């Protein structure tokens, strides 16, 4: 990457557990064992949106909250196929 980013670490409950602001290009973000996922955001987004440790993040795609379904189910839904067991 050729630009700085903010990295927001989330646990399985989609709660912010750490924020690494202004991570410069070609640098590694620290490992957080408790993190289940991370959001890579444009630099200063975390501060501009007042995102803080303890905040709960909700990601919605086509009016479906990501925490409610798996990514596989979203892909199947987008493709117009019915999931099989």
PDB file of N, CA and C in Angstrom:
ATOM      1  N   UNK A   1       0.849  -1.171   0.000  1.00  0.00           N
ATOM      2  CA  UNK A   1       0.000   0.000   0.000  1.00  0.00           C
ATOM      3  C   UNK A   1       0.889   1.227   0.000  1.00  0.00           C
ATOM      4  N   UNK A   2       0.453   2.260  -0.637  1.00  0.00           N
ATOM      5  CA  UNK A   2       1.254   3.459  -0.748  1.00  0.00           C
ATOM      6  C   UNK A   2       0.728   4.625   0.063  1.00  0.00           C
ATOM      7  N   UNK A   3      -0.093   4.350   1.061  1.00  0.00           N
ATOM      8  CA  UNK A   3      -0.689   5.427   1.849  1.00  0.00           C
ATOM      9  C   UNK A   3      -0.975   4.925   3.247  1.00  0.00           C
ATOM     10  N   UNK A   4      -1.113   5.831   4.194  1.00  0.00           N
ATOM     11  CA  UNK A   4      -1.411   5.468   5.587  1.00  0.00           C
ATOM     12  C   UNK A   4      -2.875   5.051   5.724  1.00  0.00           C
ATOM     13  N   UNK A   5      -3.132   4.166   6.684  1.00  0.00           N
ATOM     14  CA  UNK A   5      -4.494   3.709   6.962  1.00  0.00           C
ATOM     15  C   UNK A   5      -4.714   3.642   8.476  1.00  0.00           C
ATOM     16  N   UNK A   6      -5.971   3.542   8.867  1.00  0.00           N
ATOM     17  CA  UNK A   6      -6.340   3.203  10.240  1.00  0.00           C
ATOM     18  C   UNK A   6      -6.721   1.728  10.245  1.00  0.00           C
ATOM     19  N   UNK A   7      -6.317   1.011  11.281  1.00  0.00           N
ATOM     20  CA  UNK A   7      -6.669  -0.401  11.422  1.00  0.00           C
ATOM     21  C   UNK A   7      -7.477  -0.545  12.709  1.00  0.00           C
ATOM     22  N   UNK A   8      -8.707  -1.032  12.568  1.00  0.00           N
ATOM     23  CA  UNK A   8      -9.598  -1.222  13.719  1.00  0.00           C
ATOM     24  C   UNK A   8      -9.747  -2.723  13.943  1.00  0.00           C
ATOM     25  N   UNK A   9      -9.325  -3.185  15.109  1.00  0.00           N
ATOM     26  CA  UNK A   9      -9.384  -4.604  15.461  1.00  0.00           C
ATOM     27  C   UNK A   9     -10.726  -4.909  16.128  1.00  0.00           C
ATOM     28  N   UNK A  10     -11.366  -5.987  15.680  1.00  0.00           N
ATOM     29  CA  UNK A  10     -12.671  -6.385  16.217  1.00  0.00           C
ATOM     30  C   UNK A  10     -12.612  -7.797  16.781  1.00  0.00           C
ATOM     31  N   UNK A  11     -13.329  -8.033  17.886  1.00  0.00           N
ATOM     32  CA  UNK A  11     -13.456  -9.401  18.386  1.00  0.00           C
ATOM     33  C   UNK A  11     -14.661 -10.055  17.700  1.00  0.00           C
ATOM     34  N   UNK A  12     -14.983 -11.278  18.089  1.00  0.00           N
ATOM     35  CA  UNK A  12     -16.086 -12.003  17.436  1.00  0.00           C
ATOM     36  C   UNK A  12     -17.440 -11.314  17.605  1.00  0.00           C
ATOM     37  N   UNK A  13     -17.591 -10.530  18.647  1.00  0.00           N
ATOM     38  CA  UNK A  13     -18.836  -9.807  18.894  1.00  0.00           C
ATOM     39  C   UNK A  13     -18.866  -8.481  18.133  1.00  0.00           C
ATOM     40  N   UNK A  14     -17.868  -8.244  17.275  1.00  0.00           N
ATOM     41  CA  UNK A  14     -17.752  -7.005  16.486  1.00  0.00           C
ATOM     42  C   UNK A  14     -17.549  -5.776  17.370  1.00  0.00           C
ATOM     43  N   UNK A  15     -16.879  -5.985  18.501  1.00  0.00           N
ATOM     44  CA  UNK A  15     -16.547  -4.897  19.407  1.00  0.00           C
ATOM     45  C   UNK A  15     -15.107  -4.477  19.155  1.00  0.00           C
ATOM     46  N   UNK A  16     -14.863  -3.174  19.108  1.00  0.00           N
ATOM     47  CA  UNK A  16     -13.517  -2.654  18.881  1.00  0.00           C
ATOM     48  C   UNK A  16     -12.653  -2.970  20.096  1.00  0.00           C
ATOM     49  N   UNK A  17     -11.522  -3.660  19.847  1.00  0.00           N
ATOM     50  CA  UNK A  17     -10.620  -3.996  20.952  1.00  0.00           C
ATOM     51  C   UNK A  17      -9.291  -3.240  20.872  1.00  0.00           C
ATOM     52  N   UNK A  18      -9.002  -2.663  19.702  1.00  0.00           N
ATOM     53  CA  UNK A  18      -7.769  -1.887  19.537  1.00  0.00           C
ATOM     54  C   UNK A  18      -7.880  -1.075  18.253  1.00  0.00           C
ATOM     55  N   UNK A  19      -7.253   0.085  18.256  1.00  0.00           N
ATOM     56  CA  UNK A  19      -7.202   0.922  17.058  1.00  0.00           C
ATOM     57  C   UNK A  19      -5.754   1.317  16.817  1.00  0.00           C
ATOM     58  N   UNK A  20      -5.290   1.055  15.625  1.00  0.00           N
ATOM     59  CA  UNK A  20      -3.959   1.479  15.208  1.00  0.00           C
ATOM     60  C   UNK A  20      -4.163   2.587  14.172  1.00  0.00           C
ATOM     61  N   UNK A  21      -3.949   3.822  14.596  1.00  0.00           N
ATOM     62  CA  UNK A  21      -4.195   4.970  13.724  1.00  0.00           C
ATOM     63  C   UNK A  21      -2.951   5.328  12.922  1.00  0.00           C
ATOM     64  N   UNK A  22      -3.186   5.807  11.706  1.00  0.00           N
ATOM     65  CA  UNK A  22      -2.124   6.332  10.858  1.00  0.00           C
ATOM     66  C   UNK A  22      -0.980   5.332  10.660  1.00  0.00           C
ATOM     67  N   UNK A  23      -1.335   4.097  10.323  1.00  0.00           N
ATOM     68  CA  UNK A  23      -0.315   3.083  10.039  1.00  0.00           C
ATOM     69  C   UNK A  23       0.317   3.430   8.695  1.00  0.00           C
ATOM     70  N   UNK A  24       1.606   3.708   8.711  1.00  0.00           N
ATOM     71  CA  UNK A  24       2.301   4.169   7.513  1.00  0.00           C
ATOM     72  C   UNK A  24       2.510   3.051   6.498  1.00  0.00           C
ATOM     73  N   UNK A  25       2.713   3.414   5.248  1.00  0.00           N
ATOM     74  CA  UNK A  25       2.897   2.407   4.198  1.00  0.00           C
ATOM     75  C   UNK A  25       4.048   1.453   4.509  1.00  0.00           C
ATOM     76  N   UNK A  26       3.828   0.206   4.150  1.00  0.00           N
ATOM     77  CA  UNK A  26       4.818  -0.866   4.266  1.00  0.00           C
ATOM     78  C   UNK A  26       5.204  -1.184   5.705  1.00  0.00           C
ATOM     79  N   UNK A  27       4.323  -0.850   6.651  1.00  0.00           N
ATOM     80  CA  UNK A  27       4.539  -1.194   8.064  1.00  0.00           C
ATOM     81  C   UNK A  27       3.553  -2.287   8.455  1.00  0.00           C
ATOM     82  N   UNK A  28       3.915  -3.063   9.455  1.00  0.00           N
ATOM     83  CA  UNK A  28       3.039  -4.113   9.966  1.00  0.00           C
ATOM     84  C   UNK A  28       2.288  -3.602  11.183  1.00  0.00           C
ATOM     85  N   UNK A  29       1.014  -3.904  11.245  1.00  0.00           N
ATOM     86  CA  UNK A  29       0.222  -3.587  12.427  1.00  0.00           C
ATOM     87  C   UNK A  29       0.511  -4.649  13.481  1.00  0.00           C
ATOM     88  N   UNK A  30       0.423  -4.299  14.760  1.00  0.00           N
ATOM     89  CA  UNK A  30       0.674  -5.289  15.804  1.00  0.00           C
ATOM     90  C   UNK A  30      -0.383  -6.400  15.789  1.00  0.00           C
ATOM     91  N   UNK A  31       0.029  -7.575  16.227  1.00  0.00           N
ATOM     92  CA  UNK A  31      -0.889  -8.712  16.316  1.00  0.00           C
ATOM     93  C   UNK A  31      -1.672  -8.601  17.615  1.00  0.00           C
ATOM     94  N   UNK A  32      -2.970  -8.807  17.537  1.00  0.00           N
ATOM     95  CA  UNK A  32      -3.847  -8.845  18.712  1.00  0.00           C
ATOM     96  C   UNK A  32      -4.531 -10.198  18.710  1.00  0.00           C
ATOM     97  N   UNK A  33      -4.140 -11.054  19.640  1.00  0.00           N
ATOM     98  CA  UNK A  33      -4.658 -12.431  19.675  1.00  0.00           C
ATOM     99  C   UNK A  33      -6.173 -12.485  19.841  1.00  0.00           C
ATOM    100  N   UNK A  34      -6.757 -11.481  20.489  1.00  0.00           N
ATOM    101  CA  UNK A  34      -8.202 -11.469  20.721  1.00  0.00           C
ATOM    102  C   UNK A  34      -8.991 -11.072  19.481  1.00  0.00           C
ATOM    103  N   UNK A  35      -8.323 -10.538  18.474  1.00  0.00           N
ATOM    104  CA  UNK A  35      -9.012 -10.034  17.284  1.00  0.00           C
ATOM    105  C   UNK A  35      -9.479 -11.180  16.395  1.00  0.00           C
ATOM    106  N   UNK A  36     -10.734 -11.099  15.976  1.00  0.00           N
ATOM    107  CA  UNK A  36     -11.282 -12.061  15.022  1.00  0.00           C
ATOM    108  C   UNK A  36     -11.205 -11.489  13.611  1.00  0.00           C
ATOM    109  N   UNK A  37     -11.170 -10.147  13.506  1.00  0.00           N
ATOM    110  CA  UNK A  37     -11.087  -9.493  12.205  1.00  0.00           C
ATOM    111  C   UNK A  37     -10.581  -8.071  12.386  1.00  0.00           C
ATOM    112  N   UNK A  38     -10.237  -7.447  11.273  1.00  0.00           N
ATOM    113  CA  UNK A  38      -9.820  -6.047  11.302  1.00  0.00           C
ATOM    114  C   UNK A  38     -10.530  -5.294  10.188  1.00  0.00           C
ATOM    115  N   UNK A  39     -10.700  -4.013  10.405  1.00  0.00           N
ATOM    116  CA  UNK A  39     -11.180  -3.113   9.359  1.00  0.00           C
ATOM    117  C   UNK A  39     -10.011  -2.222   8.971  1.00  0.00           C
ATOM    118  N   UNK A  40      -9.701  -2.164   7.693  1.00  0.00           N
ATOM    119  CA  UNK A  40      -8.695  -1.245   7.197  1.00  0.00           C
ATOM    120  C   UNK A  40      -9.444  -0.055   6.611  1.00  0.00           C
ATOM    121  N   UNK A  41      -9.225   1.106   7.190  1.00  0.00           N
ATOM    122  CA  UNK A  41      -9.980   2.302   6.837  1.00  0.00           C
ATOM    123  C   UNK A  41      -9.053   3.408   6.361  1.00  0.00           C
ATOM    124  N   UNK A  42      -9.570   4.358   5.589  1.00  0.00           N
ATOM    125  CA  UNK A  42      -8.751   5.511   5.219  1.00  0.00           C
ATOM    126  C   UNK A  42      -8.211   6.200   6.469  1.00  0.00           C
ATOM    127  N   UNK A  43      -7.021   6.726   6.350  1.00  0.00           N
ATOM    128  CA  UNK A  43      -6.361   7.378   7.478  1.00  0.00           C
ATOM    129  C   UNK A  43      -7.258   8.456   8.083  1.00  0.00           C
ATOM    130  N   UNK A  44      -7.297   8.511   9.392  1.00  0.00           N
ATOM    131  CA  UNK A  44      -8.051   9.469  10.207  1.00  0.00           C
ATOM    132  C   UNK A  44      -9.549   9.162  10.296  1.00  0.00           C
ATOM    133  N   UNK A  45     -10.003   8.082   9.667  1.00  0.00           N
ATOM    134  CA  UNK A  45     -11.425   7.737   9.736  1.00  0.00           C
ATOM    135  C   UNK A  45     -11.843   7.416  11.166  1.00  0.00           C
ATOM    136  N   UNK A  46     -11.006   6.677  11.901  1.00  0.00           N
ATOM    137  CA  UNK A  46     -11.355   6.315  13.280  1.00  0.00           C
ATOM    138  C   UNK A  46     -11.544   7.570  14.134  1.00  0.00           C
ATOM    139  N   UNK A  47     -10.646   8.520  14.011  1.00  0.00           N
ATOM    140  CA  UNK A  47     -10.764   9.755  14.791  1.00  0.00           C
ATOM    141  C   UNK A  47     -11.945  10.605  14.309  1.00  0.00           C
ATOM    142  N   UNK A  48     -12.097  10.710  12.995  1.00  0.00           N
ATOM    143  CA  UNK A  48     -13.186  11.534  12.448  1.00  0.00           C
ATOM    144  C   UNK A  48     -14.563  11.014  12.846  1.00  0.00           C
ATOM    145  N   UNK A  49     -14.689   9.691  13.011  1.00  0.00           N
ATOM    146  CA  UNK A  49     -15.975   9.097  13.379  1.00  0.00           C
ATOM    147  C   UNK A  49     -16.072   8.848  14.890  1.00  0.00           C
ATOM    148  N   UNK A  50     -15.027   9.258  15.607  1.00  0.00           N
ATOM    149  CA  UNK A  50     -14.951   9.081  17.066  1.00  0.00           C
ATOM    150  C   UNK A  50     -15.070   7.618  17.480  1.00  0.00           C
ATOM    151  N   UNK A  51     -14.542   6.731  16.656  1.00  0.00           N
ATOM    152  CA  UNK A  51     -14.532   5.308  16.993  1.00  0.00           C
ATOM    153  C   UNK A  51     -13.556   5.091  18.135  1.00  0.00           C
ATOM    154  N   UNK A  52     -13.978   4.321  19.141  1.00  0.00           N
ATOM    155  CA  UNK A  52     -13.155   4.095  20.329  1.00  0.00           C
ATOM    156  C   UNK A  52     -13.226   2.631  20.742  1.00  0.00           C
ATOM    157  N   UNK A  53     -12.235   2.208  21.504  1.00  0.00           N
ATOM    158  CA  UNK A  53     -12.236   0.858  22.061  1.00  0.00           C
ATOM    159  C   UNK A  53     -13.516   0.690  22.874  1.00  0.00           C
ATOM    160  N   UNK A  54     -14.193  -0.431  22.649  1.00  0.00           N
ATOM    161  CA  UNK A  54     -15.452  -0.705  23.330  1.00  0.00           C
ATOM    162  C   UNK A  54     -16.663  -0.451  22.452  1.00  0.00           C
ATOM    163  N   UNK A  55     -16.487   0.309  21.370  1.00  0.00           N
ATOM    164  CA  UNK A  55     -17.601   0.543  20.441  1.00  0.00           C
ATOM    165  C   UNK A  55     -17.970  -0.761  19.740  1.00  0.00           C
ATOM    166  N   UNK A  56     -19.227  -0.916  19.435  1.00  0.00           N
ATOM    167  CA  UNK A  56     -19.719  -2.071  18.694  1.00  0.00           C
ATOM    168  C   UNK A  56     -19.915  -1.635  17.245  1.00  0.00           C
ATOM    169  N   UNK A  57     -19.362  -2.409  16.315  1.00  0.00           N
ATOM    170  CA  UNK A  57     -19.437  -2.088  14.892  1.00  0.00           C
ATOM    171  C   UNK A  57     -20.499  -2.969  14.248  1.00  0.00           C
ATOM    172  N   UNK A  58     -21.338  -2.343  13.438  1.00  0.00           N
ATOM    173  CA  UNK A  58     -22.342  -3.093  12.689  1.00  0.00           C
ATOM    174  C   UNK A  58     -22.112  -2.826  11.206  1.00  0.00           C
ATOM    175  N   UNK A  59     -21.936  -3.887  10.451  1.00  0.00           N
ATOM    176  CA  UNK A  59     -21.738  -3.771   9.011  1.00  0.00           C
ATOM    177  C   UNK A  59     -22.983  -4.304   8.337  1.00  0.00           C
ATOM    178  N   UNK A  60     -23.588  -3.484   7.490  1.00  0.00           N
ATOM    179  CA  UNK A  60     -24.826  -3.866   6.821  1.00  0.00           C
ATOM    180  C   UNK A  60     -24.610  -3.866   5.312  1.00  0.00           C
ATOM    181  N   UNK A  61     -25.017  -4.958   4.675  1.00  0.00           N
ATOM    182  CA  UNK A  61     -24.951  -5.086   3.226  1.00  0.00           C
ATOM    183  C   UNK A  61     -26.353  -5.422   2.750  1.00  0.00           C
ATOM    184  N   UNK A  62     -26.900  -4.570   1.876  1.00  0.00           N
ATOM    185  CA  UNK A  62     -28.260  -4.786   1.376  1.00  0.00           C
ATOM    186  C   UNK A  62     -29.256  -5.008   2.503  1.00  0.00           C
ATOM    187  N   UNK A  63     -29.162  -4.194   3.540  1.00  0.00           N
ATOM    188  CA  UNK A  63     -30.061  -4.215   4.690  1.00  0.00           C
ATOM    189  C   UNK A  63     -29.989  -5.504   5.501  1.00  0.00           C
ATOM    190  N   UNK A  64     -28.890  -6.253   5.382  1.00  0.00           N
ATOM    191  CA  UNK A  64     -28.663  -7.450   6.186  1.00  0.00           C
ATOM    192  C   UNK A  64     -27.411  -7.200   7.013  1.00  0.00           C
ATOM    193  N   UNK A  65     -27.503  -7.365   8.310  1.00  0.00           N
ATOM    194  CA  UNK A  65     -26.361  -7.171   9.180  1.00  0.00           C
ATOM    195  C   UNK A  65     -25.427  -8.363   9.041  1.00  0.00           C
ATOM    196  N   UNK A  66     -24.145  -8.099   8.793  1.00  0.00           N
ATOM    197  CA  UNK A  66     -23.168  -9.153   8.558  1.00  0.00           C
ATOM    198  C   UNK A  66     -23.082 -10.117   9.733  1.00  0.00           C
ATOM    199  N   UNK A  67     -23.223  -9.633  10.942  1.00  0.00           N
ATOM    200  CA  UNK A  67     -23.148 -10.511  12.108  1.00  0.00           C
ATOM    201  C   UNK A  67     -24.265 -11.555  12.112  1.00  0.00           C
ATOM    202  N   UNK A  68     -25.344 -11.303  11.369  1.00  0.00           N
ATOM    203  CA  UNK A  68     -26.477 -12.222  11.356  1.00  0.00           C
ATOM    204  C   UNK A  68     -26.298 -13.387  10.384  1.00  0.00           C
ATOM    205  N   UNK A  69     -25.432 -13.229   9.430  1.00  0.00           N
ATOM    206  CA  UNK A  69     -25.228 -14.270   8.425  1.00  0.00           C
ATOM    207  C   UNK A  69     -23.743 -14.449   8.157  1.00  0.00           C
ATOM    208  N   UNK A  70     -23.392 -15.551   7.545  1.00  0.00           N
ATOM    209  CA  UNK A  70     -21.997 -15.757   7.178  1.00  0.00           C
ATOM    210  C   UNK A  70     -21.749 -15.136   5.812  1.00  0.00           C
ATOM    211  N   UNK A  71     -20.501 -14.899   5.521  1.00  0.00           N
ATOM    212  CA  UNK A  71     -20.142 -14.347   4.219  1.00  0.00           C
ATOM    213  C   UNK A  71     -20.593 -15.294   3.113  1.00  0.00           C
ATOM    214  N   UNK A  72     -20.475 -16.602   3.322  1.00  0.00           N
ATOM    215  CA  UNK A  72     -20.904 -17.571   2.321  1.00  0.00           C
ATOM    216  C   UNK A  72     -22.390 -17.389   2.006  1.00  0.00           C
ATOM    217  N   UNK A  73     -23.215 -17.187   3.027  1.00  0.00           N
ATOM    218  CA  UNK A  73     -24.644 -16.985   2.805  1.00  0.00           C
ATOM    219  C   UNK A  73     -24.895 -15.711   2.007  1.00  0.00           C
ATOM    220  N   UNK A  74     -24.116 -14.648   2.278  1.00  0.00           N
ATOM    221  CA  UNK A  74     -24.278 -13.407   1.524  1.00  0.00           C
ATOM    222  C   UNK A  74     -23.924 -13.610   0.055  1.00  0.00           C
ATOM    223  N   UNK A  75     -22.865 -14.348  -0.210  1.00  0.00           N
ATOM    224  CA  UNK A  75     -22.452 -14.603  -1.587  1.00  0.00           C
ATOM    225  C   UNK A  75     -23.522 -15.406  -2.311  1.00  0.00           C
ATOM    226  N   UNK A  76     -24.062 -16.418  -1.643  1.00  0.00           N
ATOM    227  CA  UNK A  76     -25.120 -17.225  -2.242  1.00  0.00           C
ATOM    228  C   UNK A  76     -26.337 -16.357  -2.534  1.00  0.00           C
ATOM    229  N   UNK A  77     -26.712 -15.492  -1.578  1.00  0.00           N
ATOM    230  CA  UNK A  77     -27.861 -14.620  -1.765  1.00  0.00           C
ATOM    231  C   UNK A  77     -27.638 -13.679  -2.949  1.00  0.00           C
ATOM    232  N   UNK A  78     -26.442 -13.114  -3.043  1.00  0.00           N
ATOM    233  CA  UNK A  78     -26.145 -12.200  -4.134  1.00  0.00           C
ATOM    234  C   UNK A  78     -26.187 -12.904  -5.483  1.00  0.00           C
ATOM    235  N   UNK A  79     -25.819 -14.178  -5.507  1.00  0.00           N
ATOM    236  CA  UNK A  79     -25.822 -14.934  -6.759  1.00  0.00           C
ATOM    237  C   UNK A  79     -27.220 -15.413  -7.111  1.00  0.00           C
ATOM    238  N   UNK A  80     -28.178 -15.258  -6.191  1.00  0.00           N
ATOM    239  CA  UNK A  80     -29.551 -15.657  -6.456  1.00  0.00           C
ATOM    240  C   UNK A  80     -29.804 -17.145  -6.285  1.00  0.00           C
ATOM    241  N   UNK A  81     -28.872 -17.818  -5.599  1.00  0.00           N
ATOM    242  CA  UNK A  81     -29.047 -19.253  -5.371  1.00  0.00           C
ATOM    243  C   UNK A  81     -29.572 -19.513  -3.973  1.00  0.00           C
ATOM    244  N   UNK A  82     -30.234 -20.610  -3.816  1.00  0.00           N
ATOM    245  CA  UNK A  82     -30.759 -21.007  -2.511  1.00  0.00           C
ATOM    246  C   UNK A  82     -29.719 -21.883  -1.828  1.00  0.00           C
ATOM    247  N   UNK A  83     -29.341 -21.575  -0.567  1.00  0.00           N
ATOM    248  CA  UNK A  83     -28.327 -22.377   0.115  1.00  0.00           C
ATOM    249  C   UNK A  83     -28.820 -23.804   0.368  1.00  0.00           C
ATOM    250  N   UNK A  84     -27.879 -24.733   0.302  1.00  0.00           N
ATOM    251  CA  UNK A  84     -28.192 -26.130   0.612  1.00  0.00           C
ATOM    252  C   UNK A  84     -27.539 -26.507   1.922  1.00  0.00           C
ATOM    253  N   UNK A  85     -28.103 -27.494   2.591  1.00  0.00           N
ATOM    254  CA  UNK A  85     -27.590 -27.888   3.901  1.00  0.00           C
ATOM    255  C   UNK A  85     -26.328 -28.638   3.822  1.00  0.00           C
TER     256      UNK A  85
END
